[in-house]
Amino acid sequence: MNSFIQQHAAWLESHLRKRKGERKDRLKRGHAHAEKLFLKTIWWHLLGHFDGLHPEYEVVDWRGMKFFVDFMWCIGNIKIAFEIKGYGPHVEQADRRSYRRELNRELFLQGLGIQVVSIPYDELEENPDLIRSLIKMIIAPYSSKDQNQFNRVEQDLLKLVVRLGRNIRPVNAVRELGINHRTAVKYLKRLTDQGKFRAIISERSGKVVRYEYIGPMLERI
């Protein structure tokens, strides 16, 4: 707990030092109970650090107007936005125009290639184990320290196995990723050589029928 408190304070202070004017004021106002609860019960529990995570991240929309995302996680060229949805300034459910505007902004972020993860505040408060499990599925493909060692196809295979479960067949990669069977087998074998998968051999045919995910990415967080 002390480690979280110290690291959170240092991380927040580092972002405050980098900001001025409206961006700094927004961080002071916006980083409140819901955001701290998310960091404490979900993010810190899964990752144990705040590397690449930006609070109250400023975005300019299609009209040239600024808005702020609760958290933006930047991993190389990948960006994932996390929004805590609940009572207060995040979503004014009674205000239809505000609600439409927020949905339009989420669509805009998706159009920029940014994945948007909306987290219900009530669930975060009452059932953090569920939220952790769901967030874990989303961030696992990007959370490995050695993620940069994998090429695009390998990263796509790692993300695919998280969606499918611990087992994957070449045909899954062919259907989901649009690659041919030879390419799927090639990169599944490479990931096996790197310790991310274990080849499962059929007792009847003696051939590899599927690959089981055994890499440390899910287990380390």
Protein backbone atom coordinates (compact mmCIF):
# COMPACT_ATOMS: atom_id res chain seq x y z
CA MET A 1 0.00 0.00 0.00
CA ASN A 2 2.77 2.42 0.92
CA SER A 3 4.44 1.66 -2.39
CA PHE A 4 1.25 2.59 -4.27
CA ILE A 5 0.82 5.81 -2.30
CA GLN A 6 4.41 6.87 -2.92
CA GLN A 7 4.48 5.91 -6.60
CA HIS A 8 1.09 7.46 -7.27
CA ALA A 9 2.12 10.74 -5.64
CA ALA A 10 5.37 10.83 -7.61
CA TRP A 11 3.61 9.96 -10.88
CA LEU A 12 0.92 12.59 -10.38
CA GLU A 13 3.45 15.25 -9.41
CA SER A 14 5.52 14.50 -12.51
CA HIS A 15 2.49 15.16 -14.73
CA LEU A 16 1.57 18.32 -12.84
CA ARG A 17 5.08 19.70 -13.34
CA LYS A 18 4.80 19.21 -17.09
CA ARG A 19 1.52 21.09 -17.39
CA LYS A 20 0.41 24.67 -17.33
CA GLY A 21 -2.84 26.61 -17.41
CA GLU A 22 -6.01 24.71 -18.25
CA ARG A 23 -4.29 21.33 -18.62
CA LYS A 24 -2.83 21.62 -15.11
CA ASP A 25 -6.09 22.84 -13.58
CA ARG A 26 -7.98 20.01 -15.25
CA LEU A 27 -5.63 17.45 -13.76
CA LYS A 28 -6.03 18.92 -10.30
CA ARG A 29 -9.83 18.90 -10.61
CA GLY A 30 -10.35 15.75 -12.64
CA HIS A 31 -8.07 13.30 -10.86
CA ALA A 32 -10.53 12.56 -8.07
CA HIS A 33 -11.99 9.63 -6.16
CA ALA A 34 -13.10 7.47 -9.12
CA GLU A 35 -9.76 7.83 -10.91
CA LYS A 36 -7.76 7.05 -7.79
CA LEU A 37 -9.97 4.05 -7.07
CA PHE A 38 -9.29 2.70 -10.56
CA LEU A 39 -5.54 3.13 -10.14
CA LYS A 40 -5.48 1.58 -6.68
CA THR A 41 -7.77 -1.41 -7.18
CA ILE A 42 -7.18 -2.17 -10.85
CA TRP A 43 -4.12 -0.65 -12.49
CA TRP A 44 -1.61 -0.98 -9.67
CA HIS A 45 -2.81 -4.49 -8.89
CA LEU A 46 -2.30 -5.58 -12.51
CA LEU A 47 0.86 -3.74 -13.49
CA GLY A 48 2.51 -2.30 -10.39
CA HIS A 49 3.64 0.83 -12.23
CA PHE A 50 2.25 3.82 -14.14
CA ASP A 51 4.61 3.74 -17.13
CA GLY A 52 2.98 5.18 -20.23
CA LEU A 53 -0.23 6.09 -18.39
CA HIS A 54 -1.36 9.72 -18.76
CA PRO A 55 -4.11 11.17 -16.52
CA GLU A 56 -6.63 13.68 -17.88
CA TYR A 57 -5.22 13.34 -21.39
CA GLU A 58 -6.07 16.23 -23.68
CA VAL A 59 -7.56 15.55 -27.12
CA VAL A 60 -8.69 18.00 -29.80
CA ASP A 61 -11.87 16.79 -31.51
CA TRP A 62 -13.12 17.15 -35.11
CA ARG A 63 -14.38 20.66 -34.38
CA GLY A 64 -11.09 21.81 -32.89
CA MET A 65 -12.52 21.70 -29.37
CA LYS A 66 -10.57 20.22 -26.46
CA PHE A 67 -11.76 17.44 -24.20
CA PHE A 68 -10.05 15.24 -21.64
CA VAL A 69 -9.88 11.47 -21.31
CA ASP A 70 -9.57 10.08 -17.77
CA PHE A 71 -6.53 8.00 -18.71
CA MET A 72 -4.61 7.38 -21.91
CA TRP A 73 -2.18 4.46 -21.98
CA CYS A 74 0.47 4.87 -24.65
CA ILE A 75 2.51 1.79 -25.61
CA GLY A 76 4.57 2.50 -28.71
CA ASN A 77 2.09 3.34 -31.46
CA ILE A 78 -0.80 1.86 -29.50
CA LYS A 79 -3.13 4.07 -27.47
CA ILE A 80 -5.91 2.86 -25.17
CA ALA A 81 -8.29 5.31 -23.51
CA PHE A 82 -9.84 4.42 -20.15
CA GLU A 83 -12.95 6.28 -19.05
CA ILE A 84 -14.65 5.86 -15.67
CA LYS A 85 -18.40 6.19 -16.20
CA GLY A 86 -20.44 7.16 -13.22
CA TYR A 87 -22.11 9.99 -11.35
CA GLY A 88 -20.71 13.49 -11.43
CA PRO A 89 -18.94 15.27 -14.26
CA HIS A 90 -18.09 12.12 -16.25
CA VAL A 91 -21.55 11.41 -17.68
CA GLU A 92 -24.63 13.50 -17.07
CA GLN A 93 -27.21 10.86 -17.93
CA ALA A 94 -30.10 13.32 -17.66
CA ASP A 95 -28.52 15.67 -20.21
CA ARG A 96 -29.12 14.04 -23.60
CA ARG A 97 -26.94 16.54 -25.45
CA SER A 98 -24.04 15.91 -23.09
CA TYR A 99 -24.52 12.18 -23.44
CA ARG A 100 -24.58 12.38 -27.25
CA ARG A 101 -21.49 14.56 -27.24
CA GLU A 102 -19.62 12.05 -25.12
CA LEU A 103 -20.57 9.15 -27.38
CA ASN A 104 -19.49 11.17 -30.43
CA ARG A 105 -16.12 11.78 -28.81
CA GLU A 106 -15.70 8.08 -28.18
CA LEU A 107 -16.49 7.39 -31.82
CA PHE A 108 -13.96 10.04 -32.78
CA LEU A 109 -11.27 8.36 -30.65
CA GLN A 110 -12.09 5.01 -32.23
CA GLY A 111 -11.76 6.65 -35.62
CA LEU A 112 -8.27 7.76 -34.67
CA GLY A 113 -7.39 4.14 -33.94
CA ILE A 114 -7.61 4.57 -30.17
CA GLN A 115 -9.34 1.77 -28.29
CA VAL A 116 -11.85 3.14 -25.78
CA VAL A 117 -12.51 1.22 -22.56
CA SER A 118 -15.51 2.43 -20.56
CA ILE A 119 -15.62 1.33 -16.92
CA PRO A 120 -18.82 1.66 -14.85
CA TYR A 121 -18.04 3.33 -11.56
CA ASP A 122 -20.57 1.29 -9.60
CA GLU A 123 -19.00 -1.96 -10.81
CA LEU A 124 -15.53 -0.63 -10.08
CA GLU A 125 -16.56 0.09 -6.51
CA GLU A 126 -18.66 -3.01 -5.86
CA ASN A 127 -16.98 -5.67 -7.99
CA PRO A 128 -13.33 -4.76 -8.68
CA ASP A 129 -12.38 -8.41 -9.25
CA LEU A 130 -14.56 -8.51 -12.36
CA ILE A 131 -13.15 -5.24 -13.67
CA ARG A 132 -9.60 -6.48 -13.07
CA SER A 133 -10.31 -9.65 -15.02
CA LEU A 134 -11.77 -7.75 -17.96
CA ILE A 135 -9.04 -5.10 -18.03
CA LYS A 136 -6.44 -7.86 -17.78
CA MET A 137 -7.75 -9.38 -21.02
CA ILE A 138 -7.44 -6.02 -22.76
CA ILE A 139 -3.96 -5.00 -21.63
CA ALA A 140 -2.25 -8.39 -21.48
CA PRO A 141 -1.03 -8.36 -25.12
CA TYR A 142 0.70 -5.01 -24.52
CA SER A 143 1.97 -5.44 -20.97
CA SER A 144 4.98 -7.67 -21.53
CA LYS A 145 8.32 -5.96 -21.06
CA ASP A 146 9.61 -7.66 -24.18
CA GLN A 147 6.57 -6.77 -26.31
CA ASN A 148 8.76 -4.85 -28.75
CA GLN A 149 10.58 -8.04 -29.72
CA PHE A 150 7.49 -9.31 -31.56
CA ASN A 151 6.55 -8.32 -35.08
CA ARG A 152 3.02 -7.34 -36.09
CA VAL A 153 1.83 -10.86 -36.92
CA GLU A 154 3.21 -12.23 -33.64
CA GLN A 155 1.55 -9.44 -31.67
CA ASP A 156 -1.74 -10.13 -33.45
CA LEU A 157 -1.45 -13.81 -32.57
CA LEU A 158 -0.81 -12.98 -28.91
CA LYS A 159 -3.86 -10.71 -28.85
CA LEU A 160 -5.94 -13.34 -30.61
CA VAL A 161 -5.11 -16.07 -28.10
CA VAL A 162 -6.19 -13.74 -25.28
CA ARG A 163 -9.58 -13.37 -26.99
CA LEU A 164 -9.96 -17.07 -27.70
CA GLY A 165 -8.57 -18.48 -24.47
CA ARG A 166 -5.33 -20.35 -23.87
CA ASN A 167 -5.50 -22.51 -27.00
CA ILE A 168 -5.23 -21.53 -30.65
CA ARG A 169 -5.20 -23.43 -33.93
CA PRO A 170 -3.69 -22.20 -37.19
CA VAL A 171 -7.17 -22.10 -38.69
CA ASN A 172 -8.15 -19.53 -36.03
CA ALA A 173 -5.37 -17.24 -37.21
CA VAL A 174 -6.33 -17.77 -40.86
CA ARG A 175 -9.95 -16.80 -40.18
CA GLU A 176 -9.39 -13.98 -37.70
CA LEU A 177 -6.22 -12.36 -39.04
CA GLY A 178 -6.62 -12.94 -42.76
CA ILE A 179 -3.25 -14.66 -43.15
CA ASN A 180 -2.57 -17.94 -44.96
CA HIS A 181 -2.05 -21.26 -43.20
CA ARG A 182 1.69 -21.39 -43.85
CA THR A 183 2.22 -17.94 -42.34
CA ALA A 184 0.11 -18.84 -39.30
CA VAL A 185 2.11 -21.99 -38.65
CA LYS A 186 5.41 -20.17 -39.21
CA TYR A 187 4.73 -17.53 -36.57
CA LEU A 188 3.08 -19.90 -34.13
CA LYS A 189 6.26 -21.99 -34.28
CA ARG A 190 8.37 -18.87 -33.72
CA LEU A 191 6.33 -17.94 -30.68
CA THR A 192 6.70 -21.52 -29.46
CA ASP A 193 10.48 -21.22 -29.81
CA GLN A 194 10.32 -18.00 -27.78
CA GLY A 195 8.46 -19.74 -24.96
CA LYS A 196 5.07 -18.14 -25.51
CA PHE A 197 3.29 -21.28 -26.73
CA ARG A 198 3.50 -25.02 -26.28
CA ALA A 199 2.74 -27.25 -29.25
CA ILE A 200 0.01 -29.83 -28.52
CA ILE A 201 0.54 -33.03 -30.51
CA SER A 202 -2.24 -35.44 -31.39
CA GLU A 203 -1.65 -38.95 -30.03
CA ARG A 204 -3.35 -40.40 -33.07
CA SER A 205 -1.60 -38.53 -35.88
CA GLY A 206 1.58 -37.41 -34.16
CA LYS A 207 1.08 -33.94 -35.65
CA VAL A 208 0.65 -30.58 -33.96
CA VAL A 209 -3.06 -29.84 -33.70
CA ARG A 210 -3.03 -26.68 -31.61
CA TYR A 211 -0.86 -24.35 -29.57
CA GLU A 212 -1.34 -23.63 -25.89
CA TYR A 213 -0.45 -20.20 -24.55
CA ILE A 214 2.10 -20.55 -21.73
CA GLY A 215 3.95 -17.24 -21.94
CA PRO A 216 4.38 -15.10 -18.83
CA MET A 217 2.33 -12.14 -20.06
CA LEU A 218 -0.90 -13.03 -18.34
CA GLU A 219 0.75 -14.63 -15.33
CA ARG A 220 3.04 -11.73 -14.52
CA ILE A 221 0.23 -9.21 -14.04
